Full PDB file with SEQRES, HELIX, SHEET, SSBOND, CRYST1, ORIGX, SCALE, CONECT and MASTER records, all heavy atoms in Angstrom:
SEQRES   1 A   45  LYS ARG VAL ALA ALA VAL ALA VAL ALA VAL ALA LEU ALA          
SEQRES   2 A   45  GLY ALA PRO GLY VAL ALA GLN ALA VAL THR PRO ALA GLN          
SEQRES   3 A   45  ALA PRO ALA HIS HIS ARG ILE GLY GLU PRO ALA SER ASN          
SEQRES   4 A   45  THR ALA GLY SER VAL ARG                                      
HELIX    1 AA1 ARG A    2  LEU A   12  1                                  11    
HELIX    2 AA2 ALA A   37  ASN A   39  5                                   3    
CRYST1    1.000    1.000    1.000  90.00  90.00  90.00 P 1           1          
ORIGX1      1.000000  0.000000  0.000000        0.00000                         
ORIGX2      0.000000  1.000000  0.000000        0.00000                         
ORIGX3      0.000000  0.000000  1.000000        0.00000                         
SCALE1      1.000000  0.000000  0.000000        0.00000                         
SCALE2      0.000000  1.000000  0.000000        0.00000                         
SCALE3      0.000000  0.000000  1.000000        0.00000                         
ATOM      1  N   LYS A   1       2.523 -47.145  46.174  1.00  0.00           N  
ATOM      2  CA  LYS A   1       3.129 -48.345  46.670  1.00  0.00           C  
ATOM      3  C   LYS A   1       2.232 -49.464  46.514  1.00  0.00           C  
ATOM      4  O   LYS A   1       2.491 -50.570  46.134  1.00  0.00           O  
ATOM      5  CB  LYS A   1       3.773 -48.161  47.926  1.00  0.00           C  
ATOM      6  CG  LYS A   1       5.037 -47.473  47.964  1.00  0.00           C  
ATOM      7  CD  LYS A   1       5.726 -47.411  49.379  1.00  0.00           C  
ATOM      8  CE  LYS A   1       7.031 -46.691  49.294  1.00  0.00           C  
ATOM      9  NZ  LYS A   1       7.727 -46.695  50.589  1.00  0.00           N  
ATOM     10  N   ARG A   2       0.929 -49.230  46.837  1.00  0.00           N  
ATOM     11  CA  ARG A   2      -0.098 -50.248  46.844  1.00  0.00           C  
ATOM     12  C   ARG A   2      -0.352 -50.653  45.396  1.00  0.00           C  
ATOM     13  O   ARG A   2      -0.437 -51.848  45.125  1.00  0.00           O  
ATOM     14  CB  ARG A   2      -1.391 -49.736  47.488  1.00  0.00           C  
ATOM     15  CG  ARG A   2      -1.357 -49.605  49.051  1.00  0.00           C  
ATOM     16  CD  ARG A   2      -2.709 -49.326  49.498  1.00  0.00           C  
ATOM     17  NE  ARG A   2      -2.609 -49.084  50.936  1.00  0.00           N  
ATOM     18  CZ  ARG A   2      -3.232 -48.191  51.612  1.00  0.00           C  
ATOM     19  NH1 ARG A   2      -4.043 -47.437  51.094  1.00  0.00           N  
ATOM     20  NH2 ARG A   2      -3.155 -48.190  52.923  1.00  0.00           N  
ATOM     21  N   VAL A   3      -0.444 -49.753  44.493  1.00  0.00           N  
ATOM     22  CA  VAL A   3      -0.628 -50.059  43.133  1.00  0.00           C  
ATOM     23  C   VAL A   3       0.601 -50.863  42.612  1.00  0.00           C  
ATOM     24  O   VAL A   3       0.341 -51.879  41.862  1.00  0.00           O  
ATOM     25  CB  VAL A   3      -0.813 -48.736  42.280  1.00  0.00           C  
ATOM     26  CG1 VAL A   3      -0.844 -49.162  40.745  1.00  0.00           C  
ATOM     27  CG2 VAL A   3      -2.212 -48.139  42.686  1.00  0.00           C  
ATOM     28  N   ALA A   4       1.763 -50.414  42.854  1.00  0.00           N  
ATOM     29  CA  ALA A   4       2.948 -51.240  42.417  1.00  0.00           C  
ATOM     30  C   ALA A   4       2.904 -52.597  43.097  1.00  0.00           C  
ATOM     31  O   ALA A   4       3.263 -53.493  42.351  1.00  0.00           O  
ATOM     32  CB  ALA A   4       4.220 -50.435  42.768  1.00  0.00           C  
ATOM     33  N   ALA A   5       2.627 -52.658  44.341  1.00  0.00           N  
ATOM     34  CA  ALA A   5       2.578 -53.914  44.953  1.00  0.00           C  
ATOM     35  C   ALA A   5       1.616 -54.938  44.302  1.00  0.00           C  
ATOM     36  O   ALA A   5       1.771 -56.099  44.013  1.00  0.00           O  
ATOM     37  CB  ALA A   5       2.355 -53.904  46.462  1.00  0.00           C  
ATOM     38  N   VAL A   6       0.342 -54.429  44.025  1.00  0.00           N  
ATOM     39  CA  VAL A   6      -0.631 -55.245  43.315  1.00  0.00           C  
ATOM     40  C   VAL A   6      -0.155 -55.578  41.890  1.00  0.00           C  
ATOM     41  O   VAL A   6      -0.330 -56.753  41.427  1.00  0.00           O  
ATOM     42  CB  VAL A   6      -2.016 -54.405  43.274  1.00  0.00           C  
ATOM     43  CG1 VAL A   6      -2.999 -55.176  42.267  1.00  0.00           C  
ATOM     44  CG2 VAL A   6      -2.627 -54.285  44.637  1.00  0.00           C  
ATOM     45  N   ALA A   7       0.388 -54.767  41.232  1.00  0.00           N  
ATOM     46  CA  ALA A   7       0.932 -55.058  39.837  1.00  0.00           C  
ATOM     47  C   ALA A   7       2.019 -56.106  39.959  1.00  0.00           C  
ATOM     48  O   ALA A   7       2.085 -57.072  39.052  1.00  0.00           O  
ATOM     49  CB  ALA A   7       1.481 -53.783  39.119  1.00  0.00           C  
ATOM     50  N   VAL A   8       2.901 -56.040  40.945  1.00  0.00           N  
ATOM     51  CA  VAL A   8       4.010 -57.033  41.101  1.00  0.00           C  
ATOM     52  C   VAL A   8       3.329 -58.270  41.422  1.00  0.00           C  
ATOM     53  O   VAL A   8       3.761 -59.459  40.921  1.00  0.00           O  
ATOM     54  CB  VAL A   8       4.999 -56.484  41.970  1.00  0.00           C  
ATOM     55  CG1 VAL A   8       5.984 -57.737  42.464  1.00  0.00           C  
ATOM     56  CG2 VAL A   8       5.819 -55.398  41.452  1.00  0.00           C  
ATOM     57  N   ALA A   9       2.517 -58.260  42.319  1.00  0.00           N  
ATOM     58  CA  ALA A   9       1.858 -59.623  42.859  1.00  0.00           C  
ATOM     59  C   ALA A   9       1.160 -60.301  41.680  1.00  0.00           C  
ATOM     60  O   ALA A   9       1.289 -61.509  41.543  1.00  0.00           O  
ATOM     61  CB  ALA A   9       0.898 -59.334  44.008  1.00  0.00           C  
ATOM     62  N   VAL A  10       0.313 -59.603  40.895  1.00  0.00           N  
ATOM     63  CA  VAL A  10      -0.266 -60.133  39.801  1.00  0.00           C  
ATOM     64  C   VAL A  10       0.610 -60.706  38.676  1.00  0.00           C  
ATOM     65  O   VAL A  10       0.546 -61.777  38.342  1.00  0.00           O  
ATOM     66  CB  VAL A  10      -1.331 -59.066  39.097  1.00  0.00           C  
ATOM     67  CG1 VAL A  10      -1.923 -59.720  37.849  1.00  0.00           C  
ATOM     68  CG2 VAL A  10      -2.374 -58.725  40.053  1.00  0.00           C  
ATOM     69  N   ALA A  11       1.750 -59.855  38.465  1.00  0.00           N  
ATOM     70  CA  ALA A  11       2.727 -60.423  37.543  1.00  0.00           C  
ATOM     71  C   ALA A  11       3.370 -61.627  37.980  1.00  0.00           C  
ATOM     72  O   ALA A  11       3.694 -62.552  37.274  1.00  0.00           O  
ATOM     73  CB  ALA A  11       3.782 -59.270  37.284  1.00  0.00           C  
ATOM     74  N   LEU A  12       3.761 -61.603  39.284  1.00  0.00           N  
ATOM     75  CA  LEU A  12       4.371 -62.861  39.866  1.00  0.00           C  
ATOM     76  C   LEU A  12       3.461 -64.058  39.896  1.00  0.00           C  
ATOM     77  O   LEU A  12       3.876 -65.171  39.699  1.00  0.00           O  
ATOM     78  CB  LEU A  12       4.886 -62.583  41.336  1.00  0.00           C  
ATOM     79  CG  LEU A  12       6.032 -61.712  41.438  1.00  0.00           C  
ATOM     80  CD1 LEU A  12       6.436 -61.307  42.865  1.00  0.00           C  
ATOM     81  CD2 LEU A  12       7.235 -62.186  40.683  1.00  0.00           C  
ATOM     82  N   ALA A  13       2.127 -63.798  39.923  1.00  0.00           N  
ATOM     83  CA  ALA A  13       1.182 -64.886  39.918  1.00  0.00           C  
ATOM     84  C   ALA A  13       0.954 -65.485  38.559  1.00  0.00           C  
ATOM     85  O   ALA A  13       0.349 -66.458  38.323  1.00  0.00           O  
ATOM     86  CB  ALA A  13      -0.088 -64.453  40.515  1.00  0.00           C  
ATOM     87  N   GLY A  14       1.559 -64.725  37.634  1.00  0.00           N  
ATOM     88  CA  GLY A  14       1.480 -65.232  36.236  1.00  0.00           C  
ATOM     89  C   GLY A  14       0.145 -64.855  35.504  1.00  0.00           C  
ATOM     90  O   GLY A  14      -0.295 -65.520  34.563  1.00  0.00           O  
ATOM     91  N   ALA A  15      -0.567 -63.865  35.983  1.00  0.00           N  
ATOM     92  CA  ALA A  15      -1.840 -63.376  35.448  1.00  0.00           C  
ATOM     93  C   ALA A  15      -1.526 -62.867  34.045  1.00  0.00           C  
ATOM     94  O   ALA A  15      -0.649 -61.981  33.917  1.00  0.00           O  
ATOM     95  CB  ALA A  15      -2.557 -62.413  36.311  1.00  0.00           C  
ATOM     96  N   PRO A  16      -2.286 -63.165  32.968  1.00  0.00           N  
ATOM     97  CA  PRO A  16      -2.072 -62.617  31.701  1.00  0.00           C  
ATOM     98  C   PRO A  16      -2.638 -61.218  31.541  1.00  0.00           C  
ATOM     99  O   PRO A  16      -3.558 -60.874  32.201  1.00  0.00           O  
ATOM    100  CB  PRO A  16      -2.733 -63.546  30.803  1.00  0.00           C  
ATOM    101  CG  PRO A  16      -3.813 -64.127  31.655  1.00  0.00           C  
ATOM    102  CD  PRO A  16      -3.193 -64.276  32.981  1.00  0.00           C  
ATOM    103  N   GLY A  17      -2.060 -60.426  30.718  1.00  0.00           N  
ATOM    104  CA  GLY A  17      -2.642 -59.150  30.284  1.00  0.00           C  
ATOM    105  C   GLY A  17      -2.581 -57.911  31.168  1.00  0.00           C  
ATOM    106  O   GLY A  17      -3.150 -56.958  31.058  1.00  0.00           O  
ATOM    107  N   VAL A  18      -1.609 -58.014  32.162  1.00  0.00           N  
ATOM    108  CA  VAL A  18      -1.369 -56.835  33.013  1.00  0.00           C  
ATOM    109  C   VAL A  18      -0.456 -55.962  32.361  1.00  0.00           C  
ATOM    110  O   VAL A  18       0.805 -56.199  32.270  1.00  0.00           O  
ATOM    111  CB  VAL A  18      -0.886 -57.284  34.455  1.00  0.00           C  
ATOM    112  CG1 VAL A  18      -0.545 -56.105  35.227  1.00  0.00           C  
ATOM    113  CG2 VAL A  18      -1.750 -58.256  35.070  1.00  0.00           C  
ATOM    114  N   ALA A  19      -0.915 -54.843  31.842  1.00  0.00           N  
ATOM    115  CA  ALA A  19      -0.100 -53.899  31.103  1.00  0.00           C  
ATOM    116  C   ALA A  19       0.055 -52.692  31.856  1.00  0.00           C  
ATOM    117  O   ALA A  19       1.070 -52.002  31.858  1.00  0.00           O  
ATOM    118  CB  ALA A  19      -0.795 -53.614  29.745  1.00  0.00           C  
ATOM    119  N   GLN A  20      -0.909 -52.289  32.653  1.00  0.00           N  
ATOM    120  CA  GLN A  20      -0.812 -50.961  33.380  1.00  0.00           C  
ATOM    121  C   GLN A  20      -1.828 -51.040  34.599  1.00  0.00           C  
ATOM    122  O   GLN A  20      -2.919 -51.560  34.419  1.00  0.00           O  
ATOM    123  CB  GLN A  20      -1.291 -49.918  32.387  1.00  0.00           C  
ATOM    124  CG  GLN A  20      -1.463 -48.590  32.951  1.00  0.00           C  
ATOM    125  CD  GLN A  20      -1.833 -47.606  31.791  1.00  0.00           C  
ATOM    126  OE1 GLN A  20      -1.911 -47.855  30.669  1.00  0.00           O  
ATOM    127  NE2 GLN A  20      -2.122 -46.375  32.212  1.00  0.00           N  
ATOM    128  N   ALA A  21      -1.356 -50.484  35.672  1.00  0.00           N  
ATOM    129  CA  ALA A  21      -2.289 -50.363  36.829  1.00  0.00           C  
ATOM    130  C   ALA A  21      -2.588 -48.852  36.906  1.00  0.00           C  
ATOM    131  O   ALA A  21      -1.762 -47.950  36.771  1.00  0.00           O  
ATOM    132  CB  ALA A  21      -1.545 -50.730  38.116  1.00  0.00           C  
ATOM    133  N   VAL A  22      -3.775 -48.529  37.052  1.00  0.00           N  
ATOM    134  CA  VAL A  22      -4.320 -47.084  37.055  1.00  0.00           C  
ATOM    135  C   VAL A  22      -5.152 -46.990  38.309  1.00  0.00           C  
ATOM    136  O   VAL A  22      -6.111 -47.644  38.529  1.00  0.00           O  
ATOM    137  CB  VAL A  22      -5.211 -46.872  35.799  1.00  0.00           C  
ATOM    138  CG1 VAL A  22      -5.692 -45.380  35.918  1.00  0.00           C  
ATOM    139  CG2 VAL A  22      -4.409 -47.120  34.526  1.00  0.00           C  
ATOM    140  N   THR A  23      -4.737 -45.918  39.119  1.00  0.00           N  
ATOM    141  CA  THR A  23      -5.588 -45.567  40.362  1.00  0.00           C  
ATOM    142  C   THR A  23      -6.766 -44.703  39.790  1.00  0.00           C  
ATOM    143  O   THR A  23      -6.572 -44.133  38.807  1.00  0.00           O  
ATOM    144  CB  THR A  23      -4.729 -44.828  41.341  1.00  0.00           C  
ATOM    145  OG1 THR A  23      -4.298 -43.590  40.801  1.00  0.00           O  
ATOM    146  CG2 THR A  23      -3.517 -45.674  41.793  1.00  0.00           C  
ATOM    147  N   PRO A  24      -7.790 -44.668  40.570  1.00  0.00           N  
ATOM    148  CA  PRO A  24      -8.888 -43.797  40.106  1.00  0.00           C  
ATOM    149  C   PRO A  24      -8.502 -42.346  39.886  1.00  0.00           C  
ATOM    150  O   PRO A  24      -8.973 -41.759  38.895  1.00  0.00           O  
ATOM    151  CB  PRO A  24      -9.900 -43.888  41.264  1.00  0.00           C  
ATOM    152  CG  PRO A  24      -9.677 -45.281  41.891  1.00  0.00           C  
ATOM    153  CD  PRO A  24      -8.221 -45.499  41.660  1.00  0.00           C  
ATOM    154  N   ALA A  25      -7.598 -41.827  40.676  1.00  0.00           N  
ATOM    155  CA  ALA A  25      -7.195 -40.400  40.444  1.00  0.00           C  
ATOM    156  C   ALA A  25      -6.418 -40.282  39.111  1.00  0.00           C  
ATOM    157  O   ALA A  25      -6.339 -39.184  38.659  1.00  0.00           O  
ATOM    158  CB  ALA A  25      -6.241 -39.992  41.602  1.00  0.00           C  
ATOM    159  N   GLN A  26      -5.806 -41.399  38.594  1.00  0.00           N  
ATOM    160  CA  GLN A  26      -5.036 -41.266  37.322  1.00  0.00           C  
ATOM    161  C   GLN A  26      -5.903 -41.642  36.182  1.00  0.00           C  
ATOM    162  O   GLN A  26      -5.435 -41.571  35.046  1.00  0.00           O  
ATOM    163  CB  GLN A  26      -3.966 -42.199  37.403  1.00  0.00           C  
ATOM    164  CG  GLN A  26      -2.832 -41.936  38.421  1.00  0.00           C  
ATOM    165  CD  GLN A  26      -1.916 -43.053  38.657  1.00  0.00           C  
ATOM    166  OE1 GLN A  26      -2.317 -44.248  38.631  1.00  0.00           O  
ATOM    167  NE2 GLN A  26      -0.640 -42.741  38.867  1.00  0.00           N  
ATOM    168  N   ALA A  27      -7.073 -42.200  36.388  1.00  0.00           N  
ATOM    169  CA  ALA A  27      -7.924 -42.579  35.262  1.00  0.00           C  
ATOM    170  C   ALA A  27      -8.152 -41.422  34.262  1.00  0.00           C  
ATOM    171  O   ALA A  27      -8.515 -40.353  34.719  1.00  0.00           O  
ATOM    172  CB  ALA A  27      -9.291 -43.133  35.768  1.00  0.00           C  
ATOM    173  N   PRO A  28      -7.976 -41.736  32.970  1.00  0.00           N  
ATOM    174  CA  PRO A  28      -8.120 -40.633  31.991  1.00  0.00           C  
ATOM    175  C   PRO A  28      -9.486 -40.202  31.870  1.00  0.00           C  
ATOM    176  O   PRO A  28     -10.481 -41.058  31.840  1.00  0.00           O  
ATOM    177  CB  PRO A  28      -7.614 -41.343  30.805  1.00  0.00           C  
ATOM    178  CG  PRO A  28      -7.841 -42.748  30.952  1.00  0.00           C  
ATOM    179  CD  PRO A  28      -7.715 -43.023  32.418  1.00  0.00           C  
ATOM    180  N   ALA A  29      -9.685 -38.938  31.734  1.00  0.00           N  
ATOM    181  CA  ALA A  29     -10.968 -38.412  31.213  1.00  0.00           C  
ATOM    182  C   ALA A  29     -11.099 -38.629  29.757  1.00  0.00           C  
ATOM    183  O   ALA A  29     -10.134 -38.547  28.947  1.00  0.00           O  
ATOM    184  CB  ALA A  29     -11.005 -36.895  31.532  1.00  0.00           C  
ATOM    185  N   HIS A  30     -12.192 -38.933  29.223  1.00  0.00           N  
ATOM    186  CA  HIS A  30     -12.385 -39.409  27.832  1.00  0.00           C  
ATOM    187  C   HIS A  30     -12.999 -38.288  27.065  1.00  0.00           C  
ATOM    188  O   HIS A  30     -14.208 -38.291  26.785  1.00  0.00           O  
ATOM    189  CB  HIS A  30     -13.149 -40.680  27.766  1.00  0.00           C  
ATOM    190  CG  HIS A  30     -12.394 -41.769  28.410  1.00  0.00           C  
ATOM    191  ND1 HIS A  30     -11.343 -42.375  27.805  1.00  0.00           N  
ATOM    192  CD2 HIS A  30     -12.505 -42.475  29.529  1.00  0.00           C  
ATOM    193  CE1 HIS A  30     -10.816 -43.413  28.620  1.00  0.00           C  
ATOM    194  NE2 HIS A  30     -11.574 -43.351  29.675  1.00  0.00           N  
ATOM    195  N   HIS A  31     -12.336 -37.269  26.648  1.00  0.00           N  
ATOM    196  CA  HIS A  31     -12.824 -36.124  25.858  1.00  0.00           C  
ATOM    197  C   HIS A  31     -13.089 -36.573  24.528  1.00  0.00           C  
ATOM    198  O   HIS A  31     -12.261 -37.315  23.880  1.00  0.00           O  
ATOM    199  CB  HIS A  31     -11.779 -34.948  25.862  1.00  0.00           C  
ATOM    200  CG  HIS A  31     -12.289 -33.847  25.084  1.00  0.00           C  
ATOM    201  ND1 HIS A  31     -13.307 -33.041  25.459  1.00  0.00           N  
ATOM    202  CD2 HIS A  31     -11.907 -33.414  23.797  1.00  0.00           C  
ATOM    203  CE1 HIS A  31     -13.542 -32.070  24.487  1.00  0.00           C  
ATOM    204  NE2 HIS A  31     -12.735 -32.323  23.524  1.00  0.00           N  
ATOM    205  N   ARG A  32     -14.243 -36.260  24.015  1.00  0.00           N  
ATOM    206  CA  ARG A  32     -14.640 -36.706  22.618  1.00  0.00           C  
ATOM    207  C   ARG A  32     -14.179 -35.658  21.603  1.00  0.00           C  
ATOM    208  O   ARG A  32     -14.534 -34.480  21.666  1.00  0.00           O  
ATOM    209  CB  ARG A  32     -16.172 -36.831  22.515  1.00  0.00           C  
ATOM    210  CG  ARG A  32     -16.759 -37.706  23.626  1.00  0.00           C  
ATOM    211  CD  ARG A  32     -16.284 -39.194  23.467  1.00  0.00           C  
ATOM    212  NE  ARG A  32     -16.834 -39.820  24.604  1.00  0.00           N  
ATOM    213  CZ  ARG A  32     -16.197 -40.231  25.718  1.00  0.00           C  
ATOM    214  NH1 ARG A  32     -14.899 -39.923  25.850  1.00  0.00           N  
ATOM    215  NH2 ARG A  32     -16.764 -40.840  26.633  1.00  0.00           N  
ATOM    216  N   ILE A  33     -13.404 -36.090  20.690  1.00  0.00           N  
ATOM    217  CA  ILE A  33     -13.004 -35.273  19.609  1.00  0.00           C  
ATOM    218  C   ILE A  33     -14.206 -34.732  18.793  1.00  0.00           C  
ATOM    219  O   ILE A  33     -15.087 -35.442  18.498  1.00  0.00           O  
ATOM    220  CB  ILE A  33     -12.055 -35.965  18.623  1.00  0.00           C  
ATOM    221  CG1 ILE A  33     -10.808 -36.397  19.323  1.00  0.00           C  
ATOM    222  CG2 ILE A  33     -11.739 -35.115  17.324  1.00  0.00           C  
ATOM    223  CD1 ILE A  33      -9.809 -37.235  18.536  1.00  0.00           C  
ATOM    224  N   GLY A  34     -14.219 -33.409  18.522  1.00  0.00           N  
ATOM    225  CA  GLY A  34     -15.324 -32.833  17.862  1.00  0.00           C  
ATOM    226  C   GLY A  34     -16.368 -32.262  18.722  1.00  0.00           C  
ATOM    227  O   GLY A  34     -17.236 -31.500  18.291  1.00  0.00           O  
ATOM    228  N   GLU A  35     -16.370 -32.505  20.069  1.00  0.00           N  
ATOM    229  CA  GLU A  35     -17.399 -31.945  20.879  1.00  0.00           C  
ATOM    230  C   GLU A  35     -16.872 -30.686  21.596  1.00  0.00           C  
ATOM    231  O   GLU A  35     -15.694 -30.563  21.673  1.00  0.00           O  
ATOM    232  CB  GLU A  35     -17.639 -32.880  22.140  1.00  0.00           C  
ATOM    233  CG  GLU A  35     -18.496 -34.067  21.712  1.00  0.00           C  
ATOM    234  CD  GLU A  35     -18.834 -34.925  22.909  1.00  0.00           C  
ATOM    235  OE1 GLU A  35     -18.276 -34.826  23.981  1.00  0.00           O  
ATOM    236  OE2 GLU A  35     -19.661 -35.876  22.758  1.00  0.00           O  
ATOM    237  N   PRO A  36     -17.798 -29.790  21.828  1.00  0.00           N  
ATOM    238  CA  PRO A  36     -17.311 -28.509  22.410  1.00  0.00           C  
ATOM    239  C   PRO A  36     -16.688 -28.792  23.812  1.00  0.00           C  
ATOM    240  O   PRO A  36     -16.996 -29.738  24.427  1.00  0.00           O  
ATOM    241  CB  PRO A  36     -18.558 -27.616  22.581  1.00  0.00           C  
ATOM    242  CG  PRO A  36     -19.725 -28.578  22.330  1.00  0.00           C  
ATOM    243  CD  PRO A  36     -19.089 -29.748  21.542  1.00  0.00           C  
ATOM    244  N   ALA A  37     -15.775 -27.926  24.211  1.00  0.00           N  
ATOM    245  CA  ALA A  37     -15.128 -28.122  25.527  1.00  0.00           C  
ATOM    246  C   ALA A  37     -16.083 -28.157  26.660  1.00  0.00           C  
ATOM    247  O   ALA A  37     -15.741 -28.867  27.608  1.00  0.00           O  
ATOM    248  CB  ALA A  37     -14.042 -26.959  25.716  1.00  0.00           C  
ATOM    249  N   SER A  38     -17.284 -27.567  26.536  1.00  0.00           N  
ATOM    250  CA  SER A  38     -18.131 -27.579  27.653  1.00  0.00           C  
ATOM    251  C   SER A  38     -18.821 -29.022  27.774  1.00  0.00           C  
ATOM    252  O   SER A  38     -19.572 -29.215  28.675  1.00  0.00           O  
ATOM    253  CB  SER A  38     -19.299 -26.615  27.372  1.00  0.00           C  
ATOM    254  OG  SER A  38     -20.015 -26.800  26.198  1.00  0.00           O  
ATOM    255  N   ASN A  39     -18.536 -29.893  26.780  1.00  0.00           N  
ATOM    256  CA  ASN A  39     -19.175 -31.228  26.880  1.00  0.00           C  
ATOM    257  C   ASN A  39     -18.057 -32.321  27.100  1.00  0.00           C  
ATOM    258  O   ASN A  39     -18.130 -33.277  26.535  1.00  0.00           O  
ATOM    259  CB  ASN A  39     -19.935 -31.552  25.543  1.00  0.00           C  
ATOM    260  CG  ASN A  39     -20.873 -32.737  25.793  1.00  0.00           C  
ATOM    261  OD1 ASN A  39     -21.308 -33.023  26.913  1.00  0.00           O  
ATOM    262  ND2 ASN A  39     -21.144 -33.435  24.779  1.00  0.00           N  
ATOM    263  N   THR A  40     -17.083 -31.988  27.956  1.00  0.00           N  
ATOM    264  CA  THR A  40     -16.175 -32.966  28.192  1.00  0.00           C  
ATOM    265  C   THR A  40     -16.607 -33.929  29.228  1.00  0.00           C  
ATOM    266  O   THR A  40     -17.633 -33.798  29.842  1.00  0.00           O  
ATOM    267  CB  THR A  40     -14.802 -32.316  28.895  1.00  0.00           C  
ATOM    268  OG1 THR A  40     -15.192 -31.496  30.041  1.00  0.00           O  
ATOM    269  CG2 THR A  40     -14.148 -31.363  27.785  1.00  0.00           C  
ATOM    270  N   ALA A  41     -15.861 -35.042  29.545  1.00  0.00           N  
ATOM    271  CA  ALA A  41     -16.393 -36.065  30.470  1.00  0.00           C  
ATOM    272  C   ALA A  41     -16.765 -35.530  31.782  1.00  0.00           C  
ATOM    273  O   ALA A  41     -15.966 -34.667  32.295  1.00  0.00           O  
ATOM    274  CB  ALA A  41     -15.258 -37.077  30.623  1.00  0.00           C  
ATOM    275  N   GLY A  42     -17.849 -35.938  32.307  1.00  0.00           N  
ATOM    276  CA  GLY A  42     -18.197 -35.401  33.619  1.00  0.00           C  
ATOM    277  C   GLY A  42     -19.222 -34.207  33.555  1.00  0.00           C  
ATOM    278  O   GLY A  42     -19.799 -33.784  34.487  1.00  0.00           O  
ATOM    279  N   SER A  43     -19.411 -33.743  32.319  1.00  0.00           N  
ATOM    280  CA  SER A  43     -20.377 -32.646  32.227  1.00  0.00           C  
ATOM    281  C   SER A  43     -21.792 -33.018  31.995  1.00  0.00           C  
ATOM    282  O   SER A  43     -22.056 -34.185  31.854  1.00  0.00           O  
ATOM    283  CB  SER A  43     -19.960 -31.795  30.956  1.00  0.00           C  
ATOM    284  OG  SER A  43     -20.209 -32.533  29.786  1.00  0.00           O  
ATOM    285  N   VAL A  44     -22.780 -32.180  32.236  1.00  0.00           N  
ATOM    286  CA  VAL A  44     -24.148 -32.487  31.965  1.00  0.00           C  
ATOM    287  C   VAL A  44     -24.468 -31.425  30.853  1.00  0.00           C  
ATOM    288  O   VAL A  44     -24.360 -30.219  30.962  1.00  0.00           O  
ATOM    289  CB  VAL A  44     -25.008 -32.127  33.129  1.00  0.00           C  
ATOM    290  CG1 VAL A  44     -26.466 -32.421  32.809  1.00  0.00           C  
ATOM    291  CG2 VAL A  44     -24.562 -33.127  34.302  1.00  0.00           C  
ATOM    292  N   ARG A  45     -24.872 -31.993  29.738  1.00  0.00           N  
ATOM    293  CA  ARG A  45     -25.228 -31.213  28.621  1.00  0.00           C  
ATOM    294  C   ARG A  45     -26.727 -31.291  28.350  1.00  0.00           C  
ATOM    295  O   ARG A  45     -27.293 -32.404  28.249  1.00  0.00           O  
ATOM    296  CB  ARG A  45     -24.433 -31.652  27.345  1.00  0.00           C  
ATOM    297  CG  ARG A  45     -24.751 -30.997  26.063  1.00  0.00           C  
ATOM    298  CD  ARG A  45     -23.794 -31.470  24.962  1.00  0.00           C  
ATOM    299  NE  ARG A  45     -24.313 -30.922  23.700  1.00  0.00           N  
ATOM    300  CZ  ARG A  45     -23.768 -31.318  22.590  1.00  0.00           C  
ATOM    301  NH1 ARG A  45     -22.719 -32.300  22.609  1.00  0.00           N  
ATOM    302  NH2 ARG A  45     -24.145 -30.771  21.438  1.00  0.00           N  
TER     303      ARG A  45                                                      
MASTER        0    0    0    2    0    0    0    6  302    1    0    4          
END                                                                             
């Protein structure tokens, strides 16, 4: 609800470029194509 409220408030304020609101828990991990699975985001190699 907070994320939705922020997105609506920003959209109503006319701020450009609001396409998606992402909470930290929803932020995507950025796995690199070609790297072994043991080297996914958050790993220490």
